[in-house]
Amino acid sequence: MPKAKITATKPARKPIHSLPPEVLEQAAQGWLQSHGIAATPPTENQKEIAFSQLSESLDKVLHQIKAELNELRSRIARLESKKS
C-alpha cells in the first residue's frame, strides 16, 4: 500500500514590523533584563561623555580620510607627470 504524502504548513506569523511599538519596547526591555543590562535612560553626564567620544572618533576618522585623500592626490600627480 503506498504511503500518503503529508505536507505540513507553518502557521502564519505576524511580521515584526506590524507589532505595536509598545509590544516591541516591552520585548526589548525583557531581553535587556534577561541579559543583565540595565535599561535605564542615560544621564546627562553619560550623554555628554558619549557625545564627546563620538566627536573625537569622528574627528580622527576625518583626519585619516583627509590624509588618504592627500596621498591619493600626490600619487595621481606623480602618475600624470610620468605620462608626460
Protein backbone atom coordinates (compact mmCIF):
# COMPACT_ATOMS: atom_id res chain seq x y z
CA MET A 1 0.00 0.00 0.00
CA PRO A 2 1.54 3.39 -0.99
CA LYS A 3 2.30 5.90 1.73
CA ALA A 4 0.22 9.06 1.75
CA LYS A 5 2.19 12.23 1.23
CA ILE A 6 1.86 14.50 4.24
CA THR A 7 2.57 18.19 3.90
CA ALA A 8 2.86 20.40 6.91
CA THR A 9 2.21 24.08 6.69
CA LYS A 10 3.76 26.57 9.02
CA PRO A 11 1.35 28.71 10.95
CA ALA A 12 1.19 32.26 9.68
CA ARG A 13 3.27 34.60 11.81
CA LYS A 14 2.76 38.29 12.10
CA PRO A 15 5.72 40.26 10.74
CA ILE A 16 7.64 42.05 13.46
CA HIS A 17 7.15 45.45 11.88
CA SER A 18 3.39 45.14 12.27
CA LEU A 19 3.58 44.78 16.04
CA PRO A 20 2.67 47.83 18.08
CA PRO A 21 5.65 49.84 19.37
CA GLU A 22 4.63 49.13 22.97
CA VAL A 23 4.97 45.38 22.40
CA LEU A 24 8.36 45.79 20.79
CA GLU A 25 9.52 48.04 23.64
CA GLN A 26 8.38 45.51 26.27
CA ALA A 27 10.13 42.70 24.41
CA ALA A 28 13.34 44.74 24.17
CA GLN A 29 13.21 45.64 27.88
CA GLY A 30 12.69 41.97 28.77
CA TRP A 31 15.62 40.91 26.60
CA LEU A 32 17.88 43.54 28.18
CA GLN A 33 16.87 42.49 31.69
CA SER A 34 17.40 38.80 30.91
CA HIS A 35 20.96 39.64 29.85
CA GLY A 36 21.66 41.69 32.95
CA ILE A 37 21.69 45.02 31.16
CA ALA A 38 20.11 47.96 32.91
CA ALA A 39 17.51 49.58 30.71
CA THR A 40 17.60 52.93 32.44
CA PRO A 41 17.91 56.03 30.29
CA PRO A 42 21.37 57.62 30.28
CA THR A 43 22.05 60.60 32.49
CA GLU A 44 23.06 63.97 31.07
CA ASN A 45 26.68 63.31 32.09
CA GLN A 46 26.65 59.95 30.29
CA LYS A 47 25.19 61.64 27.20
CA GLU A 48 27.92 64.30 27.30
CA ILE A 49 30.65 61.66 27.61
CA ALA A 50 29.17 59.60 24.77
CA PHE A 51 28.86 62.70 22.59
CA SER A 52 32.44 63.68 23.35
CA GLN A 53 33.71 60.19 22.48
CA LEU A 54 31.71 60.18 19.26
CA SER A 55 33.02 63.61 18.35
CA GLU A 56 36.63 62.54 18.96
CA SER A 57 36.16 59.37 16.92
CA LEU A 58 34.67 61.28 14.02
CA ASP A 59 37.49 63.81 14.18
CA LYS A 60 40.07 61.01 13.94
CA VAL A 61 38.25 59.40 11.02
CA LEU A 62 38.03 62.70 9.16
CA HIS A 63 41.76 63.33 9.66
CA GLN A 64 42.53 59.84 8.34
CA ILE A 65 40.32 60.39 5.30
CA LYS A 66 41.97 63.75 4.59
CA ALA A 67 45.42 62.16 4.85
CA GLU A 68 44.42 59.36 2.49
CA LEU A 69 42.96 61.85 0.01
CA ASN A 70 46.18 63.88 0.08
CA GLU A 71 48.19 60.71 -0.51
CA LEU A 72 45.96 59.76 -3.45
CA ARG A 73 46.32 63.27 -4.92
CA SER A 74 50.10 63.07 -4.75
CA ARG A 75 50.11 59.59 -6.31
CA ILE A 76 47.87 60.79 -9.14
CA ALA A 77 50.12 63.79 -9.69
CA ARG A 78 53.19 61.52 -9.87
CA LEU A 79 51.44 59.19 -12.35
CA GLU A 80 50.34 62.11 -14.52
CA SER A 81 53.86 63.55 -14.54
CA LYS A 82 55.27 60.17 -15.68
CA LYS A 83 52.84 60.13 -18.62
CA SER A 84 54.05 63.50 -19.86
